[in-house]
Protein backbone atom coordinates (compact mmCIF):
# COMPACT_ATOMS: atom_id res chain seq x y z
CA MET A 1 131.52 86.40 90.74
CA LEU A 2 129.69 83.58 92.47
CA ARG A 3 126.03 83.92 93.27
CA THR A 4 124.74 82.55 96.50
CA HIS A 5 121.26 81.15 96.55
CA ARG A 6 118.83 82.75 98.92
CA PRO A 7 116.64 80.51 101.04
CA VAL A 8 113.06 80.13 99.83
CA LEU A 9 110.80 82.40 101.84
CA LYS A 10 107.52 80.53 102.26
CA TRP A 11 105.80 83.40 104.09
CA ILE A 12 106.23 85.66 101.06
CA ASN A 13 103.33 83.91 99.30
CA ALA A 14 100.99 85.10 102.06
CA LEU A 15 101.77 88.70 101.06
CA LYS A 16 100.54 88.28 97.50
CA GLY A 17 97.05 89.26 96.50
CA ASN A 18 94.87 92.33 96.20
CA GLU A 19 93.24 91.97 99.62
CA ILE A 20 96.37 93.07 101.50
CA VAL A 21 96.94 96.81 102.01
CA PRO A 22 100.28 97.76 100.38
CA LYS A 23 101.55 99.44 103.57
CA HIS A 24 100.86 96.24 105.53
CA ARG A 25 102.58 94.18 102.85
CA ILE A 26 105.73 96.30 103.13
CA ILE A 27 105.78 96.15 106.94
CA ALA A 28 105.21 92.38 106.93
CA SER A 29 108.01 91.96 104.42
CA LEU A 30 110.40 94.00 106.58
CA VAL A 31 109.41 91.98 109.67
CA GLY A 32 109.95 88.69 107.83
CA GLN A 33 113.44 89.79 106.79
CA SER A 34 114.27 91.26 110.25
CA LYS A 35 114.91 94.64 108.62
CA LEU A 36 112.30 96.70 110.46
CA ALA A 37 113.92 99.66 112.22
CA THR A 38 113.68 98.31 115.75
CA ILE A 39 116.12 99.55 118.35
CA ASP A 40 118.25 96.40 118.14
CA ASN A 41 118.78 96.98 114.40
CA ILE A 42 119.50 100.68 114.91
CA VAL A 43 122.07 99.88 117.63
CA ARG A 44 123.75 97.38 115.28
CA ARG A 45 124.21 100.26 112.80
CA GLY A 46 126.19 102.20 115.40
CA ILE A 47 123.55 104.54 116.79
CA ILE A 48 123.40 104.31 120.58
CA LEU A 49 119.94 104.27 122.15
CA ILE A 50 118.32 102.85 125.25
CA ASN A 51 117.19 99.41 124.15
CA ARG A 52 113.87 98.89 125.96
CA CYS A 53 110.49 97.85 124.59
CA PRO A 54 108.39 101.04 124.37
CA LEU A 55 105.23 99.09 125.24
CA CYS A 56 106.09 96.99 128.29
CA GLU A 57 109.57 98.37 129.15
CA LYS A 58 110.50 94.90 130.46
CA ASP A 59 112.77 93.54 127.74
CA ASN A 60 114.94 94.66 124.84
CA GLU A 61 113.15 95.81 121.70
CA THR A 62 113.69 93.09 119.12
CA HIS A 63 111.51 91.71 116.33
CA SER A 64 110.71 88.57 118.25
CA HIS A 65 109.88 90.47 121.44
CA LEU A 66 107.67 93.08 119.75
CA PHE A 67 105.67 90.68 117.62
CA PHE A 68 105.61 87.48 119.66
CA CYS A 69 106.78 87.84 123.28
CA CYS A 70 105.63 91.26 124.51
CA SER A 71 102.62 91.14 126.82
CA TYR A 72 100.99 93.92 124.75
CA SER A 73 101.37 92.07 121.45
CA LYS A 74 99.84 88.97 123.05
CA LEU A 75 96.94 91.12 124.26
CA PHE A 76 96.33 92.46 120.72
CA GLU A 77 96.49 88.92 119.35
CA VAL A 78 93.78 87.80 121.79
CA LEU A 79 91.64 90.84 121.02
CA SER A 80 91.92 90.30 117.26
CA VAL A 81 90.79 86.68 117.65
CA LEU A 82 87.82 87.77 119.76
CA GLY A 83 86.76 90.21 117.08
């Protein structure tokens, strides 16, 4: 049996340390591996759902949309920077 080498995940080092809440570490790990149970992943598994972002209802619910493109996630990013 041949083993394939996995790519080095540089973001994984950011999840190490005692200052990160374990629940947040698990969620960040799932996001980094695109394994979070978003609608696009659930649909790929054969379960049929309406694929709309629950926050903005403008685009499909995907990892990239929820965490980077959605107008609501951008709003939270700005608010977290402001304090």
